[in-house]
C-alpha atoms as a PDB file:
ATOM      1  CA  UNK A   1     -82.694 129.405 -58.359  1.00  0.00           C
ATOM      2  CA  UNK A   2     -83.004 133.135 -58.765  1.00  0.00           C
ATOM      3  CA  UNK A   3     -84.073 134.705 -55.488  1.00  0.00           C
ATOM      4  CA  UNK A   4     -85.499 137.952 -56.652  1.00  0.00           C
ATOM      5  CA  UNK A   5     -88.770 137.108 -58.331  1.00  0.00           C
ATOM      6  CA  UNK A   6     -91.415 137.165 -55.604  1.00  0.00           C
ATOM      7  CA  UNK A   7     -94.067 137.792 -58.234  1.00  0.00           C
ATOM      8  CA  UNK A   8     -96.423 134.950 -59.195  1.00  0.00           C
ATOM      9  CA  UNK A   9     -96.230 132.887 -62.310  1.00  0.00           C
ATOM     10  CA  UNK A  10     -99.020 133.636 -64.770  1.00  0.00           C
ATOM     11  CA  UNK A  11    -101.347 130.992 -63.340  1.00  0.00           C
ATOM     12  CA  UNK A  12    -101.165 132.291 -59.761  1.00  0.00           C
ATOM     13  CA  UNK A  13    -103.235 135.354 -58.840  1.00  0.00           C
ATOM     14  CA  UNK A  14    -101.458 138.526 -57.763  1.00  0.00           C
ATOM     15  CA  UNK A  15    -103.552 138.708 -54.617  1.00  0.00           C
ATOM     16  CA  UNK A  16    -102.249 135.349 -53.415  1.00  0.00           C
ATOM     17  CA  UNK A  17     -98.642 136.421 -53.804  1.00  0.00           C
ATOM     18  CA  UNK A  18     -99.344 139.743 -52.104  1.00  0.00           C
ATOM     19  CA  UNK A  19    -100.899 137.894 -49.183  1.00  0.00           C
ATOM     20  CA  UNK A  20     -97.918 135.571 -48.923  1.00  0.00           C
ATOM     21  CA  UNK A  21     -95.447 138.439 -48.956  1.00  0.00           C
ATOM     22  CA  UNK A  22     -97.434 140.354 -46.351  1.00  0.00           C
ATOM     23  CA  UNK A  23     -97.637 137.271 -44.202  1.00  0.00           C
ATOM     24  CA  UNK A  24     -93.858 137.055 -44.410  1.00  0.00           C
ATOM     25  CA  UNK A  25     -93.701 140.507 -42.821  1.00  0.00           C
ATOM     26  CA  UNK A  26     -94.713 139.012 -39.503  1.00  0.00           C
ATOM     27  CA  UNK A  27     -92.496 135.949 -39.811  1.00  0.00           C
ATOM     28  CA  UNK A  28     -89.394 137.647 -41.179  1.00  0.00           C
ATOM     29  CA  UNK A  29     -89.492 140.881 -39.211  1.00  0.00           C
ATOM     30  CA  UNK A  30     -90.923 139.693 -35.931  1.00  0.00           C
ATOM     31  CA  UNK A  31     -93.628 142.315 -35.460  1.00  0.00           C
ATOM     32  CA  UNK A  32     -94.253 141.235 -31.876  1.00  0.00           C
ATOM     33  CA  UNK A  33     -91.860 143.816 -30.415  1.00  0.00           C
ATOM     34  CA  UNK A  34     -91.975 147.400 -29.214  1.00  0.00           C
ATOM     35  CA  UNK A  35     -90.190 148.993 -32.191  1.00  0.00           C
ATOM     36  CA  UNK A  36     -91.792 152.383 -32.976  1.00  0.00           C
ATOM     37  CA  UNK A  37     -94.044 152.189 -36.051  1.00  0.00           C
ATOM     38  CA  UNK A  38     -94.158 154.685 -38.894  1.00  0.00           C
ATOM     39  CA  UNK A  39     -95.939 154.728 -42.232  1.00  0.00           C
ATOM     40  CA  UNK A  40     -95.098 156.084 -45.681  1.00  0.00           C
ATOM     41  CA  UNK A  41     -97.125 159.197 -46.506  1.00  0.00           C
ATOM     42  CA  UNK A  42     -97.205 159.887 -50.245  1.00  0.00           C
ATOM     43  CA  UNK A  43     -96.261 163.441 -51.207  1.00  0.00           C
ATOM     44  CA  UNK A  44     -95.871 163.006 -54.971  1.00  0.00           C
ATOM     45  CA  UNK A  45     -95.622 160.307 -57.637  1.00  0.00           C
ATOM     46  CA  UNK A  46     -93.266 159.920 -60.592  1.00  0.00           C
ATOM     47  CA  UNK A  47     -93.243 157.464 -63.527  1.00  0.00           C
ATOM     48  CA  UNK A  48     -91.077 154.358 -63.207  1.00  0.00           C
ATOM     49  CA  UNK A  49     -89.960 151.958 -65.928  1.00  0.00           C
ATOM     50  CA  UNK A  50     -92.025 148.772 -65.590  1.00  0.00           C
ATOM     51  CA  UNK A  51     -89.156 146.880 -67.208  1.00  0.00           C
ATOM     52  CA  UNK A  52     -86.801 147.818 -64.360  1.00  0.00           C
ATOM     53  CA  UNK A  53     -86.385 145.001 -61.834  1.00  0.00           C
ATOM     54  CA  UNK A  54     -85.086 147.450 -59.243  1.00  0.00           C
ATOM     55  CA  UNK A  55     -82.243 146.310 -56.989  1.00  0.00           C
ATOM     56  CA  UNK A  56     -80.559 149.602 -56.084  1.00  0.00           C
ATOM     57  CA  UNK A  57     -81.683 153.228 -55.949  1.00  0.00           C
ATOM     58  CA  UNK A  58     -79.577 156.216 -54.921  1.00  0.00           C
ATOM     59  CA  UNK A  59     -79.710 159.986 -55.355  1.00  0.00           C
ATOM     60  CA  UNK A  60     -76.455 161.902 -55.682  1.00  0.00           C
ATOM     61  CA  UNK A  61     -77.068 165.614 -56.187  1.00  0.00           C
ATOM     62  CA  UNK A  62     -79.078 166.033 -59.407  1.00  0.00           C
ATOM     63  CA  UNK A  63     -78.543 162.405 -60.477  1.00  0.00           C
ATOM     64  CA  UNK A  64     -80.679 159.350 -59.740  1.00  0.00           C
ATOM     65  CA  UNK A  65     -78.831 156.045 -60.034  1.00  0.00           C
ATOM     66  CA  UNK A  66     -80.765 152.800 -60.428  1.00  0.00           C
ATOM     67  CA  UNK A  67     -79.530 149.243 -60.810  1.00  0.00           C
ATOM     68  CA  UNK A  68     -81.630 146.282 -61.904  1.00  0.00           C
ATOM     69  CA  UNK A  69     -81.463 142.524 -61.625  1.00  0.00           C
ATOM     70  CA  UNK A  70     -82.318 139.311 -63.480  1.00  0.00           C
ATOM     71  CA  UNK A  71     -79.888 137.488 -65.707  1.00  0.00           C
ATOM     72  CA  UNK A  72     -79.732 139.086 -69.137  1.00  0.00           C
ATOM     73  CA  UNK A  73     -81.706 142.135 -67.955  1.00  0.00           C
ATOM     74  CA  UNK A  74     -79.324 143.690 -65.450  1.00  0.00           C
ATOM     75  CA  UNK A  75     -78.010 147.210 -65.901  1.00  0.00           C
ATOM     76  CA  UNK A  76     -77.133 150.381 -64.029  1.00  0.00           C
ATOM     77  CA  UNK A  77     -78.541 153.682 -65.225  1.00  0.00           C
ATOM     78  CA  UNK A  78     -78.028 157.361 -64.354  1.00  0.00           C
ATOM     79  CA  UNK A  79     -80.900 159.759 -64.983  1.00  0.00           C
ATOM     80  CA  UNK A  80     -81.560 163.432 -64.378  1.00  0.00           C
ATOM     81  CA  UNK A  81     -83.508 163.554 -61.125  1.00  0.00           C
ATOM     82  CA  UNK A  82     -85.627 166.508 -62.259  1.00  0.00           C
ATOM     83  CA  UNK A  83     -86.473 165.452 -65.822  1.00  0.00           C
ATOM     84  CA  UNK A  84     -85.942 161.689 -65.905  1.00  0.00           C
ATOM     85  CA  UNK A  85     -83.667 162.011 -68.951  1.00  0.00           C
ATOM     86  CA  UNK A  86     -81.135 159.189 -69.231  1.00  0.00           C
ATOM     87  CA  UNK A  87     -77.559 160.394 -68.780  1.00  0.00           C
ATOM     88  CA  UNK A  88     -75.658 157.096 -68.967  1.00  0.00           C
ATOM     89  CA  UNK A  89     -76.270 153.347 -68.910  1.00  0.00           C
ATOM     90  CA  UNK A  90     -74.175 150.200 -68.569  1.00  0.00           C
ATOM     91  CA  UNK A  91     -75.528 146.677 -69.134  1.00  0.00           C
ATOM     92  CA  UNK A  92     -74.178 143.648 -67.312  1.00  0.00           C
ATOM     93  CA  UNK A  93     -73.172 140.672 -69.449  1.00  0.00           C
ATOM     94  CA  UNK A  94     -74.815 137.286 -69.002  1.00  0.00           C
ATOM     95  CA  UNK A  95     -74.751 135.509 -66.570  1.00  0.00           C
ATOM     96  CA  UNK A  96     -74.302 138.388 -64.088  1.00  0.00           C
ATOM     97  CA  UNK A  97     -77.316 139.310 -61.940  1.00  0.00           C
ATOM     98  CA  UNK A  98     -77.084 142.945 -60.833  1.00  0.00           C
ATOM     99  CA  UNK A  99     -77.811 144.064 -57.294  1.00  0.00           C
ATOM    100  CA  UNK A 100     -77.214 147.199 -55.182  1.00  0.00           C
ATOM    101  CA  UNK A 101     -75.247 150.330 -56.052  1.00  0.00           C
ATOM    102  CA  UNK A 102     -73.720 153.238 -54.158  1.00  0.00           C
ATOM    103  CA  UNK A 103     -71.670 156.336 -54.854  1.00  0.00           C
ATOM    104  CA  UNK A 104     -68.502 156.228 -52.751  1.00  0.00           C
ATOM    105  CA  UNK A 105     -66.139 159.111 -53.399  1.00  0.00           C
ATOM    106  CA  UNK A 106     -65.065 159.070 -57.038  1.00  0.00           C
ATOM    107  CA  UNK A 107     -66.534 155.616 -57.684  1.00  0.00           C
ATOM    108  CA  UNK A 108     -69.949 154.052 -58.158  1.00  0.00           C
ATOM    109  CA  UNK A 109     -69.888 150.499 -56.806  1.00  0.00           C
ATOM    110  CA  UNK A 110     -72.251 147.803 -58.067  1.00  0.00           C
ATOM    111  CA  UNK A 111     -72.555 144.309 -56.604  1.00  0.00           C
ATOM    112  CA  UNK A 112     -73.838 141.082 -58.115  1.00  0.00           C
ATOM    113  CA  UNK A 113     -76.051 138.429 -56.569  1.00  0.00           C
ATOM    114  CA  UNK A 114     -74.293 135.047 -56.747  1.00  0.00           C
ATOM    115  CA  UNK A 115     -71.045 135.927 -58.474  1.00  0.00           C
ATOM    116  CA  UNK A 116     -69.061 137.472 -55.595  1.00  0.00           C
ATOM    117  CA  UNK A 117     -68.177 140.316 -57.937  1.00  0.00           C
ATOM    118  CA  UNK A 118     -68.225 144.056 -57.217  1.00  0.00           C
ATOM    119  CA  UNK A 119     -67.733 146.466 -60.099  1.00  0.00           C
ATOM    120  CA  UNK A 120     -66.340 149.974 -59.588  1.00  0.00           C
ATOM    121  CA  UNK A 121     -67.643 152.418 -62.189  1.00  0.00           C
ATOM    122  CA  UNK A 122     -67.033 155.991 -63.213  1.00  0.00           C
ATOM    123  CA  UNK A 123     -70.061 157.868 -61.775  1.00  0.00           C
ATOM    124  CA  UNK A 124     -70.401 160.043 -64.863  1.00  0.00           C
ATOM    125  CA  UNK A 125     -70.026 157.576 -67.713  1.00  0.00           C
ATOM    126  CA  UNK A 126     -70.725 154.334 -65.777  1.00  0.00           C
ATOM    127  CA  UNK A 127     -67.715 152.806 -67.503  1.00  0.00           C
ATOM    128  CA  UNK A 128     -66.066 149.989 -65.561  1.00  0.00           C
ATOM    129  CA  UNK A 129     -62.931 151.083 -63.678  1.00  0.00           C
ATOM    130  CA  UNK A 130     -62.005 147.900 -61.832  1.00  0.00           C
ATOM    131  CA  UNK A 131     -63.399 144.841 -60.085  1.00  0.00           C
ATOM    132  CA  UNK A 132     -63.198 143.342 -56.607  1.00  0.00           C
ATOM    133  CA  UNK A 133     -64.333 140.045 -55.155  1.00  0.00           C
ATOM    134  CA  UNK A 134     -66.205 139.216 -51.953  1.00  0.00           C
ATOM    135  CA  UNK A 135     -67.599 136.157 -50.217  1.00  0.00           C
ATOM    136  CA  UNK A 136     -71.296 135.394 -50.000  1.00  0.00           C
ATOM    137  CA  UNK A 137     -74.225 137.024 -51.752  1.00  0.00           C
ATOM    138  CA  UNK A 138     -74.576 140.665 -52.785  1.00  0.00           C
ATOM    139  CA  UNK A 139     -77.866 142.478 -52.082  1.00  0.00           C
ATOM    140  CA  UNK A 140     -77.860 146.183 -51.114  1.00  0.00           C
ATOM    141  CA  UNK A 141     -75.293 148.985 -50.803  1.00  0.00           C
ATOM    142  CA  UNK A 142     -75.034 152.498 -49.398  1.00  0.00           C
ATOM    143  CA  UNK A 143     -72.216 154.733 -48.173  1.00  0.00           C
ATOM    144  CA  UNK A 144     -71.901 156.229 -44.683  1.00  0.00           C
ATOM    145  CA  UNK A 145     -69.027 158.142 -43.066  1.00  0.00           C
ATOM    146  CA  UNK A 146     -66.503 157.016 -45.645  1.00  0.00           C
ATOM    147  CA  UNK A 147     -67.494 153.354 -45.445  1.00  0.00           C
ATOM    148  CA  UNK A 148     -69.660 151.257 -47.730  1.00  0.00           C
ATOM    149  CA  UNK A 149     -72.480 149.382 -45.994  1.00  0.00           C
ATOM    150  CA  UNK A 150     -73.536 146.113 -47.640  1.00  0.00           C
ATOM    151  CA  UNK A 151     -76.386 143.655 -47.075  1.00  0.00           C
ATOM    152  CA  UNK A 152     -76.297 139.993 -48.057  1.00  0.00           C
ATOM    153  CA  UNK A 153     -79.848 138.806 -47.462  1.00  0.00           C
ATOM    154  CA  UNK A 154     -79.331 138.173 -43.743  1.00  0.00           C
ATOM    155  CA  UNK A 155     -79.742 140.388 -40.664  1.00  0.00           C
ATOM    156  CA  UNK A 156     -76.056 141.379 -40.834  1.00  0.00           C
ATOM    157  CA  UNK A 157     -74.608 144.537 -42.374  1.00  0.00           C
ATOM    158  CA  UNK A 158     -70.991 144.416 -43.546  1.00  0.00           C
ATOM    159  CA  UNK A 159     -68.782 147.504 -43.776  1.00  0.00           C
ATOM    160  CA  UNK A 160     -66.334 147.827 -46.669  1.00  0.00           C
ATOM    161  CA  UNK A 161     -63.480 150.030 -47.759  1.00  0.00           C
ATOM    162  CA  UNK A 162     -64.679 152.455 -50.475  1.00  0.00           C
ATOM    163  CA  UNK A 163     -61.517 152.015 -52.567  1.00  0.00           C
ATOM    164  CA  UNK A 164     -60.734 148.303 -52.280  1.00  0.00           C
ATOM    165  CA  UNK A 165     -64.141 146.900 -51.238  1.00  0.00           C
ATOM    166  CA  UNK A 166     -62.353 144.882 -48.540  1.00  0.00           C
ATOM    167  CA  UNK A 167     -64.454 144.136 -45.424  1.00  0.00           C
ATOM    168  CA  UNK A 168     -63.695 146.308 -42.398  1.00  0.00           C
ATOM    169  CA  UNK A 169     -66.323 145.114 -39.903  1.00  0.00           C
ATOM    170  CA  UNK A 170     -69.941 144.093 -39.478  1.00  0.00           C
ATOM    171  CA  UNK A 171     -72.973 144.473 -37.240  1.00  0.00           C
ATOM    172  CA  UNK A 172     -76.024 142.237 -36.751  1.00  0.00           C
ATOM    173  CA  UNK A 173     -79.513 143.414 -35.903  1.00  0.00           C
ATOM    174  CA  UNK A 174     -80.219 143.203 -32.191  1.00  0.00           C
ATOM    175  CA  UNK A 175     -83.907 142.507 -32.848  1.00  0.00           C
ATOM    176  CA  UNK A 176     -85.904 141.169 -35.803  1.00  0.00           C
ATOM    177  CA  UNK A 177     -82.951 138.886 -36.365  1.00  0.00           C
ATOM    178  CA  UNK A 178     -84.725 136.794 -39.019  1.00  0.00           C
ATOM    179  CA  UNK A 179     -84.974 139.822 -41.322  1.00  0.00           C
ATOM    180  CA  UNK A 180     -83.485 139.508 -44.811  1.00  0.00           C
ATOM    181  CA  UNK A 181     -82.027 142.972 -45.341  1.00  0.00           C
ATOM    182  CA  UNK A 182     -82.113 144.027 -48.983  1.00  0.00           C
ATOM    183  CA  UNK A 183     -81.794 147.470 -50.612  1.00  0.00           C
ATOM    184  CA  UNK A 184     -80.129 150.083 -48.391  1.00  0.00           C
ATOM    185  CA  UNK A 185     -80.058 153.852 -48.032  1.00  0.00           C
ATOM    186  CA  UNK A 186     -77.598 155.703 -45.793  1.00  0.00           C
ATOM    187  CA  UNK A 187     -79.448 158.766 -44.522  1.00  0.00           C
ATOM    188  CA  UNK A 188     -77.874 162.097 -43.480  1.00  0.00           C
ATOM    189  CA  UNK A 189     -78.628 161.454 -39.798  1.00  0.00           C
ATOM    190  CA  UNK A 190     -76.287 158.451 -39.868  1.00  0.00           C
ATOM    191  CA  UNK A 191     -78.987 155.790 -39.898  1.00  0.00           C
ATOM    192  CA  UNK A 192     -79.445 153.087 -42.517  1.00  0.00           C
ATOM    193  CA  UNK A 193     -82.833 152.376 -44.055  1.00  0.00           C
ATOM    194  CA  UNK A 194     -83.317 148.846 -45.357  1.00  0.00           C
ATOM    195  CA  UNK A 195     -86.013 147.062 -47.338  1.00  0.00           C
ATOM    196  CA  UNK A 196     -86.905 143.820 -45.558  1.00  0.00           C
ATOM    197  CA  UNK A 197     -87.294 141.259 -48.359  1.00  0.00           C
ATOM    198  CA  UNK A 198     -89.880 140.140 -49.427  1.00  0.00           C
ATOM    199  CA  UNK A 199     -92.116 142.395 -47.320  1.00  0.00           C
ATOM    200  CA  UNK A 200     -93.422 145.960 -47.488  1.00  0.00           C
ATOM    201  CA  UNK A 201     -91.608 146.875 -44.283  1.00  0.00           C
ATOM    202  CA  UNK A 202     -88.620 149.234 -44.198  1.00  0.00           C
ATOM    203  CA  UNK A 203     -86.365 149.225 -41.144  1.00  0.00           C
ATOM    204  CA  UNK A 204     -84.467 152.242 -39.853  1.00  0.00           C
ATOM    205  CA  UNK A 205     -81.266 150.895 -38.320  1.00  0.00           C
ATOM    206  CA  UNK A 206     -78.480 152.301 -36.161  1.00  0.00           C
ATOM    207  CA  UNK A 207     -75.471 150.796 -37.971  1.00  0.00           C
ATOM    208  CA  UNK A 208     -73.172 151.393 -34.991  1.00  0.00           C
ATOM    209  CA  UNK A 209     -75.183 149.148 -32.683  1.00  0.00           C
ATOM    210  CA  UNK A 210     -77.510 147.111 -34.900  1.00  0.00           C
ATOM    211  CA  UNK A 211     -80.556 148.485 -33.069  1.00  0.00           C
ATOM    212  CA  UNK A 212     -83.770 148.832 -35.080  1.00  0.00           C
ATOM    213  CA  UNK A 213     -84.953 152.411 -34.508  1.00  0.00           C
ATOM    214  CA  UNK A 214     -88.211 152.365 -36.473  1.00  0.00           C
ATOM    215  CA  UNK A 215     -90.281 149.940 -38.537  1.00  0.00           C
ATOM    216  CA  UNK A 216     -91.980 151.662 -41.464  1.00  0.00           C
ATOM    217  CA  UNK A 217     -95.100 150.212 -43.050  1.00  0.00           C
ATOM    218  CA  UNK A 218     -94.976 150.992 -46.775  1.00  0.00           C
ATOM    219  CA  UNK A 219     -97.813 148.639 -47.737  1.00  0.00           C
ATOM    220  CA  UNK A 220    -100.555 149.767 -50.049  1.00  0.00           C
ATOM    221  CA  UNK A 221     -98.470 152.181 -52.107  1.00  0.00           C
ATOM    222  CA  UNK A 222     -99.131 150.460 -55.412  1.00  0.00           C
ATOM    223  CA  UNK A 223    -102.866 149.971 -56.092  1.00  0.00           C
ATOM    224  CA  UNK A 224    -103.999 146.477 -56.994  1.00  0.00           C
ATOM    225  CA  UNK A 225    -105.312 147.655 -60.376  1.00  0.00           C
ATOM    226  CA  UNK A 226    -101.791 148.825 -61.277  1.00  0.00           C
ATOM    227  CA  UNK A 227    -100.311 145.378 -60.666  1.00  0.00           C
ATOM    228  CA  UNK A 228     -99.632 142.840 -63.403  1.00  0.00           C
ATOM    229  CA  UNK A 229     -98.253 139.283 -63.372  1.00  0.00           C
ATOM    230  CA  UNK A 230     -94.769 140.847 -63.621  1.00  0.00           C
ATOM    231  CA  UNK A 231     -95.178 143.159 -60.639  1.00  0.00           C
ATOM    232  CA  UNK A 232     -92.853 142.180 -57.831  1.00  0.00           C
ATOM    233  CA  UNK A 233     -91.972 143.376 -54.337  1.00  0.00           C
ATOM    234  CA  UNK A 234     -91.254 146.803 -52.922  1.00  0.00           C
ATOM    235  CA  UNK A 235     -87.551 147.496 -53.348  1.00  0.00           C
ATOM    236  CA  UNK A 236     -85.639 150.728 -53.770  1.00  0.00           C
ATOM    237  CA  UNK A 237     -85.245 153.543 -51.270  1.00  0.00           C
ATOM    238  CA  UNK A 238     -83.345 156.801 -51.761  1.00  0.00           C
ATOM    239  CA  UNK A 239     -83.254 159.925 -49.602  1.00  0.00           C
ATOM    240  CA  UNK A 240     -83.830 163.227 -51.389  1.00  0.00           C
ATOM    241  CA  UNK A 241     -81.001 165.537 -50.265  1.00  0.00           C
ATOM    242  CA  UNK A 242     -82.011 168.584 -48.270  1.00  0.00           C
ATOM    243  CA  UNK A 243     -85.522 167.282 -47.553  1.00  0.00           C
ATOM    244  CA  UNK A 244     -87.348 164.924 -45.202  1.00  0.00           C
ATOM    245  CA  UNK A 245     -88.502 162.873 -48.187  1.00  0.00           C
ATOM    246  CA  UNK A 246     -87.535 159.571 -49.767  1.00  0.00           C
ATOM    247  CA  UNK A 247     -88.142 157.901 -53.104  1.00  0.00           C
ATOM    248  CA  UNK A 248     -89.663 154.415 -52.916  1.00  0.00           C
ATOM    249  CA  UNK A 249     -90.378 152.018 -55.758  1.00  0.00           C
ATOM    250  CA  UNK A 250     -90.480 148.315 -56.539  1.00  0.00           C
ATOM    251  CA  UNK A 251     -89.477 145.693 -59.046  1.00  0.00           C
ATOM    252  CA  UNK A 252     -91.318 146.308 -62.337  1.00  0.00           C
ATOM    253  CA  UNK A 253     -93.481 148.975 -60.694  1.00  0.00           C
ATOM    254  CA  UNK A 254     -95.003 151.711 -62.901  1.00  0.00           C
ATOM    255  CA  UNK A 255     -94.583 154.375 -60.223  1.00  0.00           C
ATOM    256  CA  UNK A 256     -91.933 155.830 -57.937  1.00  0.00           C
ATOM    257  CA  UNK A 257     -93.424 157.333 -54.790  1.00  0.00           C
ATOM    258  CA  UNK A 258     -92.055 160.415 -53.064  1.00  0.00           C
ATOM    259  CA  UNK A 259     -92.878 159.929 -49.391  1.00  0.00           C
ATOM    260  CA  UNK A 260     -92.385 161.137 -45.849  1.00  0.00           C
ATOM    261  CA  UNK A 261     -92.169 158.747 -42.922  1.00  0.00           C
ATOM    262  CA  UNK A 262     -94.778 159.805 -40.356  1.00  0.00           C
ATOM    263  CA  UNK A 263     -96.253 158.261 -37.181  1.00  0.00           C
ATOM    264  CA  UNK A 264     -98.519 155.317 -37.922  1.00  0.00           C
END
């Protein structure tokens, strides 16, 4: 069964699914703790492709990289951050289900969901350079201090070599240990931000210790009247270099939100 659709089938109201996903916030992330709380303050909005089932989002200089999922609909795309113009695109062949991406040195790595396959791409053309294998599921990726950080749908982050994709270590969350870490962003301060699937909570994590530094409530970004039966969960976080802002979006969302994280 494909994990990623959290959206309802046509006969089930959007509000029911939203309620279920929000209820999972408490169960999956264990909100009964003393983790500092922040919220996402919207600074600006940008259009987002409603056909993009977002699995990975990363900004590298003037380029925005986005990867999408679903079998037969998975691709990775590079666009001009300022204009939105498409610079390059690579589609994944069936039956591959695309997941997270990250720029690591002279490579752009992309993982797949069930296939245990990581694809190294040329960051400019997105052409495939080589492949590597791994055990378990692939969810999110980001790069920190010369190491790739990978999530697999559990509360554990795995570190990988940026050239070979071989594992070099791991860390598990010290709290909220039922969280299913999804899309990742490695921020300039050394922390890792992670979408907690299938909720609207983002965790700020110390990847050296596994401590959860902040829990960010990003609920309510997408208005109910902008949701359709295809609208799915919040997923996609990317720091905007040189600022205190992040880009947030979701699967099949019509909007990307430029936000700051401020006290709740």
